[in-house]
Amino acid sequence: QFDKIQNQMRYPQSMAMKRSEWWGFACANNQYWIFTGTNKDIVDTDPNPELLPRLPGQEDLKISLADGMTMTSFTVIFDSYGIPYWTDWNTKLDTEKTISLTDSVPHSRSFTIIPETGLIR
């Protein structure tokens, strides 16, 4: 699931650059989703489903983590150049942000979002 989520995080960044729009990825309460635009309601822990696009290949708008898994709650937003912003549309990511995904054993893996380029590694 780690690799899947890491790849899914790249999707809103590529769409932001392709469509010259704001796109983002959010995680809260062991669910994650993508969104478009600058409406603050879409980053709430319980966003209005009408405002959410689907990740490719997913039926649900909000994806639940597998049982026993947790992920750091966060919101990252990409501008039309793919530059990441943290939590809101006014705060450019200025330091690397690490997101952890942990299972029930517990095993933990993390990925990092790089400022300016939005590289996810």
PDB file of N, CA and C in Angstrom:
ATOM      1  N   GLN A   1       0.829  -1.193   0.000  1.00  0.00           N
ATOM      2  CA  GLN A   1       0.000   0.000   0.000  1.00  0.00           C
ATOM      3  C   GLN A   1       0.876   1.260   0.000  1.00  0.00           C
ATOM      4  N   PHE A   2       2.060   1.175   0.582  1.00  0.00           N
ATOM      5  CA  PHE A   2       2.975   2.317   0.608  1.00  0.00           C
ATOM      6  C   PHE A   2       3.274   2.811  -0.806  1.00  0.00           C
ATOM      7  N   ASP A   3       3.679   1.889  -1.685  1.00  0.00           N
ATOM      8  CA  ASP A   3       4.021   2.271  -3.062  1.00  0.00           C
ATOM      9  C   ASP A   3       2.807   2.846  -3.792  1.00  0.00           C
ATOM     10  N   LYS A   4       1.650   2.259  -3.562  1.00  0.00           N
ATOM     11  CA  LYS A   4       0.416   2.730  -4.198  1.00  0.00           C
ATOM     12  C   LYS A   4       0.121   4.175  -3.789  1.00  0.00           C
ATOM     13  N   ILE A   5       0.203   4.459  -2.495  1.00  0.00           N
ATOM     14  CA  ILE A   5      -0.082   5.813  -2.008  1.00  0.00           C
ATOM     15  C   ILE A   5       0.953   6.804  -2.526  1.00  0.00           C
ATOM     16  N   GLN A   6       2.198   6.401  -2.516  1.00  0.00           N
ATOM     17  CA  GLN A   6       3.251   7.283  -3.017  1.00  0.00           C
ATOM     18  C   GLN A   6       2.988   7.640  -4.482  1.00  0.00           C
ATOM     19  N   ASN A   7       2.583   6.670  -5.284  1.00  0.00           N
ATOM     20  CA  ASN A   7       2.259   6.947  -6.689  1.00  0.00           C
ATOM     21  C   ASN A   7       0.998   7.797  -6.821  1.00  0.00           C
ATOM     22  N   GLN A   8      -0.002   7.527  -5.986  1.00  0.00           N
ATOM     23  CA  GLN A   8      -1.234   8.310  -6.043  1.00  0.00           C
ATOM     24  C   GLN A   8      -0.987   9.765  -5.681  1.00  0.00           C
ATOM     25  N   MET A   9      -0.019  10.035  -4.831  1.00  0.00           N
ATOM     26  CA  MET A   9       0.301  11.424  -4.479  1.00  0.00           C
ATOM     27  C   MET A   9       0.869  12.187  -5.668  1.00  0.00           C
ATOM     28  N   ARG A  10       1.463  11.489  -6.600  1.00  0.00           N
ATOM     29  CA  ARG A  10       2.024  12.152  -7.778  1.00  0.00           C
ATOM     30  C   ARG A  10       0.935  12.587  -8.762  1.00  0.00           C
ATOM     31  N   TYR A  11      -0.199  11.925  -8.716  1.00  0.00           N
ATOM     32  CA  TYR A  11      -1.278  12.211  -9.658  1.00  0.00           C
ATOM     33  C   TYR A  11      -1.766  13.666  -9.569  1.00  0.00           C
ATOM     34  N   PRO A  12      -2.135  14.179  -8.371  1.00  0.00           N
ATOM     35  CA  PRO A  12      -2.606  15.566  -8.349  1.00  0.00           C
ATOM     36  C   PRO A  12      -1.539  16.575  -8.790  1.00  0.00           C
ATOM     37  N   GLN A  13      -0.274  16.273  -8.539  1.00  0.00           N
ATOM     38  CA  GLN A  13       0.773  17.176  -8.997  1.00  0.00           C
ATOM     39  C   GLN A  13       0.817  17.205 -10.529  1.00  0.00           C
ATOM     40  N   SER A  14       0.738  16.038 -11.146  1.00  0.00           N
ATOM     41  CA  SER A  14       0.781  16.013 -12.607  1.00  0.00           C
ATOM     42  C   SER A  14      -0.461  16.676 -13.211  1.00  0.00           C
ATOM     43  N   MET A  15      -1.627  16.496 -12.578  1.00  0.00           N
ATOM     44  CA  MET A  15      -2.842  17.132 -13.071  1.00  0.00           C
ATOM     45  C   MET A  15      -2.780  18.650 -12.912  1.00  0.00           C
ATOM     46  N   ALA A  16      -2.189  19.119 -11.833  1.00  0.00           N
ATOM     47  CA  ALA A  16      -2.045  20.565 -11.627  1.00  0.00           C
ATOM     48  C   ALA A  16      -1.236  21.187 -12.757  1.00  0.00           C
ATOM     49  N   MET A  17      -0.148  20.521 -13.123  1.00  0.00           N
ATOM     50  CA  MET A  17       0.697  21.048 -14.200  1.00  0.00           C
ATOM     51  C   MET A  17       0.026  20.889 -15.561  1.00  0.00           C
ATOM     52  N   LYS A  18      -0.654  19.781 -15.773  1.00  0.00           N
ATOM     53  CA  LYS A  18      -1.297  19.524 -17.058  1.00  0.00           C
ATOM     54  C   LYS A  18      -2.440  20.499 -17.323  1.00  0.00           C
ATOM     55  N   ARG A  19      -3.223  20.792 -16.288  1.00  0.00           N
ATOM     56  CA  ARG A  19      -4.421  21.617 -16.466  1.00  0.00           C
ATOM     57  C   ARG A  19      -4.249  23.064 -16.003  1.00  0.00           C
ATOM     58  N   SER A  20      -3.074  23.416 -15.496  1.00  0.00           N
ATOM     59  CA  SER A  20      -2.823  24.754 -14.957  1.00  0.00           C
ATOM     60  C   SER A  20      -3.854  25.124 -13.897  1.00  0.00           C
ATOM     61  N   GLU A  21      -4.072  24.203 -12.956  1.00  0.00           N
ATOM     62  CA  GLU A  21      -5.025  24.378 -11.860  1.00  0.00           C
ATOM     63  C   GLU A  21      -4.366  23.951 -10.558  1.00  0.00           C
ATOM     64  N   TRP A  22      -4.999  24.309  -9.466  1.00  0.00           N
ATOM     65  CA  TRP A  22      -4.572  23.837  -8.156  1.00  0.00           C
ATOM     66  C   TRP A  22      -5.149  22.446  -7.928  1.00  0.00           C
ATOM     67  N   TRP A  23      -4.308  21.500  -7.538  1.00  0.00           N
ATOM     68  CA  TRP A  23      -4.735  20.144  -7.177  1.00  0.00           C
ATOM     69  C   TRP A  23      -4.034  19.791  -5.877  1.00  0.00           C
ATOM     70  N   GLY A  24      -4.653  18.930  -5.084  1.00  0.00           N
ATOM     71  CA  GLY A  24      -4.044  18.561  -3.823  1.00  0.00           C
ATOM     72  C   GLY A  24      -4.360  17.144  -3.386  1.00  0.00           C
ATOM     73  N   PHE A  25      -3.708  16.757  -2.315  1.00  0.00           N
ATOM     74  CA  PHE A  25      -3.837  15.435  -1.709  1.00  0.00           C
ATOM     75  C   PHE A  25      -3.947  15.658  -0.213  1.00  0.00           C
ATOM     76  N   ALA A  26      -4.931  15.028   0.423  1.00  0.00           N
ATOM     77  CA  ALA A  26      -5.121  15.189   1.867  1.00  0.00           C
ATOM     78  C   ALA A  26      -5.331  13.835   2.519  1.00  0.00           C
ATOM     79  N   CYS A  27      -4.937  13.747   3.775  1.00  0.00           N
ATOM     80  CA  CYS A  27      -5.139  12.541   4.565  1.00  0.00           C
ATOM     81  C   CYS A  27      -5.599  12.948   5.959  1.00  0.00           C
ATOM     82  N   ALA A  28      -6.645  12.276   6.444  1.00  0.00           N
ATOM     83  CA  ALA A  28      -7.141  12.481   7.809  1.00  0.00           C
ATOM     84  C   ALA A  28      -7.979  11.268   8.194  1.00  0.00           C
ATOM     85  N   ASN A  29      -7.935  10.921   9.451  1.00  0.00           N
ATOM     86  CA  ASN A  29      -8.768   9.829   9.975  1.00  0.00           C
ATOM     87  C   ASN A  29      -8.620   8.535   9.173  1.00  0.00           C
ATOM     88  N   ASN A  30      -7.391   8.198   8.810  1.00  0.00           N
ATOM     89  CA  ASN A  30      -7.085   6.968   8.077  1.00  0.00           C
ATOM     90  C   ASN A  30      -7.773   6.869   6.715  1.00  0.00           C
ATOM     91  N   GLN A  31      -8.101   8.022   6.144  1.00  0.00           N
ATOM     92  CA  GLN A  31      -8.616   8.092   4.777  1.00  0.00           C
ATOM     93  C   GLN A  31      -7.837   9.174   4.040  1.00  0.00           C
ATOM     94  N   TYR A  32      -7.757   9.027   2.728  1.00  0.00           N
ATOM     95  CA  TYR A  32      -7.110  10.067   1.931  1.00  0.00           C
ATOM     96  C   TYR A  32      -7.922  10.309   0.667  1.00  0.00           C
ATOM     97  N   TRP A  33      -7.714  11.483   0.070  1.00  0.00           N
ATOM     98  CA  TRP A  33      -8.461  11.887  -1.116  1.00  0.00           C
ATOM     99  C   TRP A  33      -7.686  12.954  -1.855  1.00  0.00           C
ATOM    100  N   ILE A  34      -8.082  13.195  -3.104  1.00  0.00           N
ATOM    101  CA  ILE A  34      -7.506  14.290  -3.873  1.00  0.00           C
ATOM    102  C   ILE A  34      -8.591  15.339  -4.075  1.00  0.00           C
ATOM    103  N   PHE A  35      -8.173  16.541  -4.445  1.00  0.00           N
ATOM    104  CA  PHE A  35      -9.132  17.625  -4.657  1.00  0.00           C
ATOM    105  C   PHE A  35      -8.562  18.615  -5.655  1.00  0.00           C
ATOM    106  N   THR A  36      -9.433  19.479  -6.153  1.00  0.00           N
ATOM    107  CA  THR A  36      -9.014  20.543  -7.067  1.00  0.00           C
ATOM    108  C   THR A  36      -9.541  21.865  -6.544  1.00  0.00           C
ATOM    109  N   GLY A  37      -8.945  22.931  -7.017  1.00  0.00           N
ATOM    110  CA  GLY A  37      -9.436  24.263  -6.679  1.00  0.00           C
ATOM    111  C   GLY A  37      -8.857  24.817  -5.392  1.00  0.00           C
ATOM    112  N   THR A  38      -9.443  25.922  -4.954  1.00  0.00           N
ATOM    113  CA  THR A  38      -8.948  26.618  -3.768  1.00  0.00           C
ATOM    114  C   THR A  38     -10.033  26.807  -2.717  1.00  0.00           C
ATOM    115  N   ASN A  39     -11.058  25.983  -2.766  1.00  0.00           N
ATOM    116  CA  ASN A  39     -12.136  26.052  -1.794  1.00  0.00           C
ATOM    117  C   ASN A  39     -11.678  25.386  -0.500  1.00  0.00           C
ATOM    118  N   LYS A  40     -11.611  26.122   0.596  1.00  0.00           N
ATOM    119  CA  LYS A  40     -11.098  25.585   1.859  1.00  0.00           C
ATOM    120  C   LYS A  40     -11.915  24.398   2.372  1.00  0.00           C
ATOM    121  N   ASP A  41     -13.171  24.268   1.948  1.00  0.00           N
ATOM    122  CA  ASP A  41     -14.013  23.155   2.393  1.00  0.00           C
ATOM    123  C   ASP A  41     -13.485  21.802   1.921  1.00  0.00           C
ATOM    124  N   ILE A  42     -12.683  21.774   0.881  1.00  0.00           N
ATOM    125  CA  ILE A  42     -12.236  20.502   0.340  1.00  0.00           C
ATOM    126  C   ILE A  42     -11.102  19.874   1.131  1.00  0.00           C
ATOM    127  N   VAL A  43     -10.497  20.611   2.033  1.00  0.00           N
ATOM    128  CA  VAL A  43      -9.428  20.022   2.827  1.00  0.00           C
ATOM    129  C   VAL A  43      -9.903  19.646   4.227  1.00  0.00           C
ATOM    130  N   ASP A  44     -11.176  19.841   4.537  1.00  0.00           N
ATOM    131  CA  ASP A  44     -11.719  19.418   5.814  1.00  0.00           C
ATOM    132  C   ASP A  44     -11.613  17.900   5.943  1.00  0.00           C
ATOM    133  N   THR A  45     -11.700  17.413   7.183  1.00  0.00           N
ATOM    134  CA  THR A  45     -11.635  15.966   7.393  1.00  0.00           C
ATOM    135  C   THR A  45     -12.860  15.262   6.821  1.00  0.00           C
ATOM    136  N   ASP A  46     -13.928  15.998   6.576  1.00  0.00           N
ATOM    137  CA  ASP A  46     -15.131  15.421   5.976  1.00  0.00           C
ATOM    138  C   ASP A  46     -15.591  16.323   4.830  1.00  0.00           C
ATOM    139  N   PRO A  47     -14.830  16.339   3.720  1.00  0.00           N
ATOM    140  CA  PRO A  47     -15.135  17.268   2.636  1.00  0.00           C
ATOM    141  C   PRO A  47     -16.423  16.897   1.905  1.00  0.00           C
ATOM    142  N   ASN A  48     -16.996  17.868   1.257  1.00  0.00           N
ATOM    143  CA  ASN A  48     -18.183  17.668   0.438  1.00  0.00           C
ATOM    144  C   ASN A  48     -17.804  16.792  -0.762  1.00  0.00           C
ATOM    145  N   PRO A  49     -18.415  15.599  -0.888  1.00  0.00           N
ATOM    146  CA  PRO A  49     -18.050  14.690  -1.983  1.00  0.00           C
ATOM    147  C   PRO A  49     -18.211  15.296  -3.368  1.00  0.00           C
ATOM    148  N   GLU A  50     -19.110  16.250  -3.518  1.00  0.00           N
ATOM    149  CA  GLU A  50     -19.316  16.862  -4.826  1.00  0.00           C
ATOM    150  C   GLU A  50     -18.092  17.635  -5.302  1.00  0.00           C
ATOM    151  N   LEU A  51     -17.193  17.952  -4.390  1.00  0.00           N
ATOM    152  CA  LEU A  51     -16.007  18.734  -4.736  1.00  0.00           C
ATOM    153  C   LEU A  51     -14.787  17.864  -5.037  1.00  0.00           C
ATOM    154  N   LEU A  52     -14.927  16.547  -4.913  1.00  0.00           N
ATOM    155  CA  LEU A  52     -13.774  15.664  -5.036  1.00  0.00           C
ATOM    156  C   LEU A  52     -13.743  14.898  -6.353  1.00  0.00           C
ATOM    157  N   PRO A  53     -12.594  14.876  -7.025  1.00  0.00           N
ATOM    158  CA  PRO A  53     -12.428  13.977  -8.168  1.00  0.00           C
ATOM    159  C   PRO A  53     -12.009  12.594  -7.649  1.00  0.00           C
ATOM    160  N   ARG A  54     -12.043  11.607  -8.493  1.00  0.00           N
ATOM    161  CA  ARG A  54     -11.593  10.256  -8.111  1.00  0.00           C
ATOM    162  C   ARG A  54     -10.155  10.040  -8.566  1.00  0.00           C
ATOM    163  N   LEU A  55      -9.422   9.297  -7.763  1.00  0.00           N
ATOM    164  CA  LEU A  55      -8.117   8.844  -8.210  1.00  0.00           C
ATOM    165  C   LEU A  55      -8.335   7.802  -9.303  1.00  0.00           C
ATOM    166  N   PRO A  56      -7.473   7.744 -10.297  1.00  0.00           N
ATOM    167  CA  PRO A  56      -7.639   6.757 -11.370  1.00  0.00           C
ATOM    168  C   PRO A  56      -7.734   5.333 -10.801  1.00  0.00           C
ATOM    169  N   GLY A  57      -8.693   4.585 -11.319  1.00  0.00           N
ATOM    170  CA  GLY A  57      -8.859   3.194 -10.909  1.00  0.00           C
ATOM    171  C   GLY A  57      -9.563   2.998  -9.583  1.00  0.00           C
ATOM    172  N   GLN A  58     -10.037   4.074  -8.962  1.00  0.00           N
ATOM    173  CA  GLN A  58     -10.698   3.975  -7.656  1.00  0.00           C
ATOM    174  C   GLN A  58     -12.188   4.271  -7.798  1.00  0.00           C
ATOM    175  N   GLU A  59     -13.012   3.482  -7.131  1.00  0.00           N
ATOM    176  CA  GLU A  59     -14.449   3.740  -7.138  1.00  0.00           C
ATOM    177  C   GLU A  59     -14.834   4.789  -6.106  1.00  0.00           C
ATOM    178  N   ASP A  60     -14.162   4.773  -4.962  1.00  0.00           N
ATOM    179  CA  ASP A  60     -14.498   5.682  -3.866  1.00  0.00           C
ATOM    180  C   ASP A  60     -13.771   7.010  -4.011  1.00  0.00           C
ATOM    181  N   LEU A  61     -14.426   8.077  -3.567  1.00  0.00           N
ATOM    182  CA  LEU A  61     -13.801   9.397  -3.570  1.00  0.00           C
ATOM    183  C   LEU A  61     -12.750   9.502  -2.473  1.00  0.00           C
ATOM    184  N   LYS A  62     -13.069   8.933  -1.313  1.00  0.00           N
ATOM    185  CA  LYS A  62     -12.124   8.885  -0.194  1.00  0.00           C
ATOM    186  C   LYS A  62     -11.676   7.437  -0.041  1.00  0.00           C
ATOM    187  N   ILE A  63     -10.372   7.229  -0.003  1.00  0.00           N
ATOM    188  CA  ILE A  63      -9.805   5.887   0.071  1.00  0.00           C
ATOM    189  C   ILE A  63      -9.449   5.592   1.523  1.00  0.00           C
ATOM    190  N   SER A  64      -9.907   4.454   2.025  1.00  0.00           N
ATOM    191  CA  SER A  64      -9.584   4.049   3.397  1.00  0.00           C
ATOM    192  C   SER A  64      -8.302   3.234   3.403  1.00  0.00           C
ATOM    193  N   LEU A  65      -7.479   3.488   4.398  1.00  0.00           N
ATOM    194  CA  LEU A  65      -6.273   2.687   4.573  1.00  0.00           C
ATOM    195  C   LEU A  65      -6.678   1.280   5.006  1.00  0.00           C
ATOM    196  N   ALA A  66      -5.823   0.307   4.742  1.00  0.00           N
ATOM    197  CA  ALA A  66      -6.081  -1.071   5.157  1.00  0.00           C
ATOM    198  C   ALA A  66      -6.207  -1.126   6.680  1.00  0.00           C
ATOM    199  N   ASP A  67      -6.930  -2.113   7.187  1.00  0.00           N
ATOM    200  CA  ASP A  67      -7.106  -2.265   8.632  1.00  0.00           C
ATOM    201  C   ASP A  67      -5.770  -2.266   9.348  1.00  0.00           C
ATOM    202  N   GLY A  68      -5.700  -1.518  10.420  1.00  0.00           N
ATOM    203  CA  GLY A  68      -4.490  -1.454  11.231  1.00  0.00           C
ATOM    204  C   GLY A  68      -3.440  -0.487  10.733  1.00  0.00           C
ATOM    205  N   MET A  69      -3.673   0.145   9.598  1.00  0.00           N
ATOM    206  CA  MET A  69      -2.693   1.084   9.059  1.00  0.00           C
ATOM    207  C   MET A  69      -3.071   2.511   9.438  1.00  0.00           C
ATOM    208  N   THR A  70      -2.058   3.321   9.640  1.00  0.00           N
ATOM    209  CA  THR A  70      -2.251   4.745   9.905  1.00  0.00           C
ATOM    210  C   THR A  70      -1.268   5.539   9.046  1.00  0.00           C
ATOM    211  N   MET A  71      -1.651   6.764   8.741  1.00  0.00           N
ATOM    212  CA  MET A  71      -0.768   7.658   7.993  1.00  0.00           C
ATOM    213  C   MET A  71      -0.846   9.030   8.636  1.00  0.00           C
ATOM    214  N   THR A  72       0.261   9.727   8.643  1.00  0.00           N
ATOM    215  CA  THR A  72       0.312  11.093   9.137  1.00  0.00           C
ATOM    216  C   THR A  72      -0.777  11.913   8.457  1.00  0.00           C
ATOM    217  N   SER A  73      -1.558  12.670   9.235  1.00  0.00           N
ATOM    218  CA  SER A  73      -2.554  13.564   8.639  1.00  0.00           C
ATOM    219  C   SER A  73      -1.839  14.770   8.032  1.00  0.00           C
ATOM    220  N   PHE A  74      -2.216  15.129   6.805  1.00  0.00           N
ATOM    221  CA  PHE A  74      -1.567  16.249   6.135  1.00  0.00           C
ATOM    222  C   PHE A  74      -2.390  16.687   4.941  1.00  0.00           C
ATOM    223  N   THR A  75      -2.069  17.852   4.437  1.00  0.00           N
ATOM    224  CA  THR A  75      -2.620  18.360   3.183  1.00  0.00           C
ATOM    225  C   THR A  75      -1.479  18.995   2.405  1.00  0.00           C
ATOM    226  N   VAL A  76      -1.312  18.566   1.169  1.00  0.00           N
ATOM    227  CA  VAL A  76      -0.339  19.192   0.277  1.00  0.00           C
ATOM    228  C   VAL A  76      -1.094  19.616  -0.970  1.00  0.00           C
ATOM    229  N   ILE A  77      -0.789  20.818  -1.450  1.00  0.00           N
ATOM    230  CA  ILE A  77      -1.474  21.405  -2.596  1.00  0.00           C
ATOM    231  C   ILE A  77      -0.408  21.781  -3.618  1.00  0.00           C
ATOM    232  N   PHE A  78      -0.680  21.490  -4.887  1.00  0.00           N
ATOM    233  CA  PHE A  78       0.272  21.790  -5.958  1.00  0.00           C
ATOM    234  C   PHE A  78      -0.294  22.881  -6.857  1.00  0.00           C
ATOM    235  N   ASP A  79       0.558  23.863  -7.185  1.00  0.00           N
ATOM    236  CA  ASP A  79       0.125  24.907  -8.111  1.00  0.00           C
ATOM    237  C   ASP A  79       0.352  24.453  -9.548  1.00  0.00           C
ATOM    238  N   SER A  80       0.105  25.319 -10.490  1.00  0.00           N
ATOM    239  CA  SER A  80       0.182  24.946 -11.906  1.00  0.00           C
ATOM    240  C   SER A  80       1.606  24.607 -12.371  1.00  0.00           C
ATOM    241  N   TYR A  81       2.597  24.904 -11.553  1.00  0.00           N
ATOM    242  CA  TYR A  81       3.982  24.538 -11.859  1.00  0.00           C
ATOM    243  C   TYR A  81       4.406  23.277 -11.111  1.00  0.00           C
ATOM    244  N   GLY A  82       3.502  22.708 -10.321  1.00  0.00           N
ATOM    245  CA  GLY A  82       3.826  21.515  -9.541  1.00  0.00           C
ATOM    246  C   GLY A  82       4.524  21.833  -8.233  1.00  0.00           C
ATOM    247  N   ILE A  83       4.593  23.101  -7.875  1.00  0.00           N
ATOM    248  CA  ILE A  83       5.235  23.508  -6.626  1.00  0.00           C
ATOM    249  C   ILE A  83       4.301  23.188  -5.467  1.00  0.00           C
ATOM    250  N   PRO A  84       4.812  22.533  -4.420  1.00  0.00           N
ATOM    251  CA  PRO A  84       3.949  22.150  -3.304  1.00  0.00           C
ATOM    252  C   PRO A  84       3.748  23.267  -2.283  1.00  0.00           C
ATOM    253  N   TYR A  85       2.528  23.337  -1.788  1.00  0.00           N
ATOM    254  CA  TYR A  85       2.147  24.233  -0.700  1.00  0.00           C
ATOM    255  C   TYR A  85       1.659  23.349   0.434  1.00  0.00           C
ATOM    256  N   TRP A  86       1.870  23.790   1.645  1.00  0.00           N
ATOM    257  CA  TRP A  86       1.534  22.976   2.798  1.00  0.00           C
ATOM    258  C   TRP A  86       0.320  23.543   3.507  1.00  0.00           C
ATOM    259  N   THR A  87      -0.728  22.784   3.618  1.00  0.00           N
ATOM    260  CA  THR A  87      -1.941  23.067   4.376  1.00  0.00           C
ATOM    261  C   THR A  87      -2.832  24.121   3.749  1.00  0.00           C
ATOM    262  N   ASP A  88      -2.285  25.158   3.161  1.00  0.00           N
ATOM    263  CA  ASP A  88      -3.134  26.164   2.536  1.00  0.00           C
ATOM    264  C   ASP A  88      -2.488  26.664   1.250  1.00  0.00           C
ATOM    265  N   TRP A  89      -3.159  27.562   0.586  1.00  0.00           N
ATOM    266  CA  TRP A  89      -2.715  28.040  -0.714  1.00  0.00           C
ATOM    267  C   TRP A  89      -1.759  29.220  -0.591  1.00  0.00           C
ATOM    268  N   ASN A  90      -1.376  29.595   0.621  1.00  0.00           N
ATOM    269  CA  ASN A  90      -0.493  30.738   0.821  1.00  0.00           C
ATOM    270  C   ASN A  90       0.866  30.352   1.363  1.00  0.00           C
ATOM    271  N   THR A  91       1.046  29.091   1.751  1.00  0.00           N
ATOM    272  CA  THR A  91       2.276  28.680   2.409  1.00  0.00           C
ATOM    273  C   THR A  91       3.032  27.682   1.546  1.00  0.00           C
ATOM    274  N   LYS A  92       4.012  28.185   0.777  1.00  0.00           N
ATOM    275  CA  LYS A  92       4.850  27.291  -0.014  1.00  0.00           C
ATOM    276  C   LYS A  92       5.627  26.385   0.924  1.00  0.00           C
ATOM    277  N   LEU A  93       5.764  25.151   0.524  1.00  0.00           N
ATOM    278  CA  LEU A  93       6.570  24.215   1.294  1.00  0.00           C
ATOM    279  C   LEU A  93       8.012  24.720   1.278  1.00  0.00           C
ATOM    280  N   ASP A  94       8.577  24.975   2.448  1.00  0.00           N
ATOM    281  CA  ASP A  94       9.930  25.532   2.497  1.00  0.00           C
ATOM    282  C   ASP A  94      10.952  24.577   3.106  1.00  0.00           C
ATOM    283  N   THR A  95      10.488  23.474   3.673  1.00  0.00           N
ATOM    284  CA  THR A  95      11.379  22.433   4.173  1.00  0.00           C
ATOM    285  C   THR A  95      10.808  21.082   3.763  1.00  0.00           C
ATOM    286  N   GLU A  96      11.645  20.076   3.718  1.00  0.00           N
ATOM    287  CA  GLU A  96      11.165  18.736   3.387  1.00  0.00           C
ATOM    288  C   GLU A  96      10.145  18.291   4.419  1.00  0.00           C
ATOM    289  N   LYS A  97       9.067  17.668   3.957  1.00  0.00           N
ATOM    290  CA  LYS A  97       8.032  17.135   4.853  1.00  0.00           C
ATOM    291  C   LYS A  97       8.027  15.627   4.724  1.00  0.00           C
ATOM    292  N   THR A  98       8.050  14.949   5.854  1.00  0.00           N
ATOM    293  CA  THR A  98       8.052  13.499   5.877  1.00  0.00           C
ATOM    294  C   THR A  98       6.688  12.990   6.321  1.00  0.00           C
ATOM    295  N   ILE A  99       6.151  12.058   5.572  1.00  0.00           N
ATOM    296  CA  ILE A  99       4.865  11.440   5.849  1.00  0.00           C
ATOM    297  C   ILE A  99       5.134   9.978   6.186  1.00  0.00           C
ATOM    298  N   SER A 100       4.590   9.512   7.303  1.00  0.00           N
ATOM    299  CA  SER A 100       4.813   8.125   7.728  1.00  0.00           C
ATOM    300  C   SER A 100       3.552   7.298   7.557  1.00  0.00           C
ATOM    301  N   LEU A 101       3.745   6.075   7.146  1.00  0.00           N
ATOM    302  CA  LEU A 101       2.681   5.089   7.015  1.00  0.00           C
ATOM    303  C   LEU A 101       3.086   3.906   7.891  1.00  0.00           C
ATOM    304  N   THR A 102       2.219   3.533   8.832  1.00  0.00           N
ATOM    305  CA  THR A 102       2.543   2.490   9.811  1.00  0.00           C
ATOM    306  C   THR A 102       1.455   1.433   9.803  1.00  0.00           C
ATOM    307  N   ASP A 103       1.873   0.164   9.935  1.00  0.00           N
ATOM    308  CA  ASP A 103       0.876  -0.903  10.042  1.00  0.00           C
ATOM    309  C   ASP A 103       0.774  -1.368  11.487  1.00  0.00           C
ATOM    310  N   SER A 104       0.002  -2.409  11.733  1.00  0.00           N
ATOM    311  CA  SER A 104      -0.288  -2.841  13.102  1.00  0.00           C
ATOM    312  C   SER A 104       0.832  -3.626  13.757  1.00  0.00           C
ATOM    313  N   VAL A 105       1.891  -3.975  13.033  1.00  0.00           N
ATOM    314  CA  VAL A 105       2.947  -4.830  13.596  1.00  0.00           C
ATOM    315  C   VAL A 105       3.815  -4.132  14.660  1.00  0.00           C
ATOM    316  N   PRO A 106       4.315  -2.991  14.706  1.00  0.00           N
ATOM    317  CA  PRO A 106       4.236  -1.941  13.690  1.00  0.00           C
ATOM    318  C   PRO A 106       5.491  -1.874  12.829  1.00  0.00           C
ATOM    319  N   HIS A 107       5.263  -1.843  11.557  1.00  0.00           N
ATOM    320  CA  HIS A 107       6.299  -1.525  10.579  1.00  0.00           C
ATOM    321  C   HIS A 107       5.979  -0.125  10.085  1.00  0.00           C
ATOM    322  N   SER A 108       7.005   0.644   9.852  1.00  0.00           N
ATOM    323  CA  SER A 108       6.775   2.016   9.402  1.00  0.00           C
ATOM    324  C   SER A 108       7.649   2.308   8.196  1.00  0.00           C
ATOM    325  N   ARG A 109       7.071   2.971   7.225  1.00  0.00           N
ATOM    326  CA  ARG A 109       7.807   3.477   6.078  1.00  0.00           C
ATOM    327  C   ARG A 109       7.410   4.932   5.915  1.00  0.00           C
ATOM    328  N   SER A 110       8.278   5.694   5.336  1.00  0.00           N
ATOM    329  CA  SER A 110       7.951   7.103   5.153  1.00  0.00           C
ATOM    330  C   SER A 110       8.426   7.579   3.786  1.00  0.00           C
ATOM    331  N   PHE A 111       7.803   8.632   3.323  1.00  0.00           N
ATOM    332  CA  PHE A 111       8.249   9.288   2.107  1.00  0.00           C
ATOM    333  C   PHE A 111       8.346  10.770   2.399  1.00  0.00           C
ATOM    334  N   THR A 112       9.087  11.451   1.569  1.00  0.00           N
ATOM    335  CA  THR A 112       9.381  12.864   1.779  1.00  0.00           C
ATOM    336  C   THR A 112       8.920  13.672   0.575  1.00  0.00           C
ATOM    337  N   ILE A 113       8.320  14.824   0.847  1.00  0.00           N
ATOM    338  CA  ILE A 113       7.941  15.768  -0.200  1.00  0.00           C
ATOM    339  C   ILE A 113       8.989  16.881  -0.197  1.00  0.00           C
ATOM    340  N   ILE A 114       9.594  17.110  -1.342  1.00  0.00           N
ATOM    341  CA  ILE A 114      10.694  18.068  -1.470  1.00  0.00           C
ATOM    342  C   ILE A 114      10.147  19.444  -1.864  1.00  0.00           C
ATOM    343  N   PRO A 115      10.606  20.511  -1.189  1.00  0.00           N
ATOM    344  CA  PRO A 115      10.166  21.866  -1.559  1.00  0.00           C
ATOM    345  C   PRO A 115      10.531  22.207  -3.013  1.00  0.00           C
ATOM    346  N   GLU A 116       9.842  23.191  -3.537  1.00  0.00           N
ATOM    347  CA  GLU A 116      10.050  23.758  -4.871  1.00  0.00           C
ATOM    348  C   GLU A 116       9.703  22.802  -6.005  1.00  0.00           C
ATOM    349  N   THR A 117      10.242  21.571  -6.003  1.00  0.00           N
ATOM    350  CA  THR A 117       9.954  20.648  -7.112  1.00  0.00           C
ATOM    351  C   THR A 117       8.748  19.756  -6.835  1.00  0.00           C
ATOM    352  N   GLY A 118       8.433  19.525  -5.568  1.00  0.00           N
ATOM    353  CA  GLY A 118       7.340  18.626  -5.221  1.00  0.00           C
ATOM    354  C   GLY A 118       7.699  17.166  -5.399  1.00  0.00           C
ATOM    355  N   LEU A 119       8.968  16.869  -5.611  1.00  0.00           N
ATOM    356  CA  LEU A 119       9.402  15.484  -5.758  1.00  0.00           C
ATOM    357  C   LEU A 119       8.979  14.687  -4.528  1.00  0.00           C
ATOM    358  N   ILE A 120       8.424  13.522  -4.764  1.00  0.00           N
ATOM    359  CA  ILE A 120       8.005  12.636  -3.672  1.00  0.00           C
ATOM    360  C   ILE A 120       8.921  11.426  -3.724  1.00  0.00           C
ATOM    361  N   ARG A 121       9.693  11.250  -2.666  1.00  0.00           N
ATOM    362  CA  ARG A 121      10.645  10.122  -2.656  1.00  0.00           C
ATOM    363  C   ARG A 121      10.610   9.392  -1.346  1.00  0.00           C
TER     364      ARG A 121
END
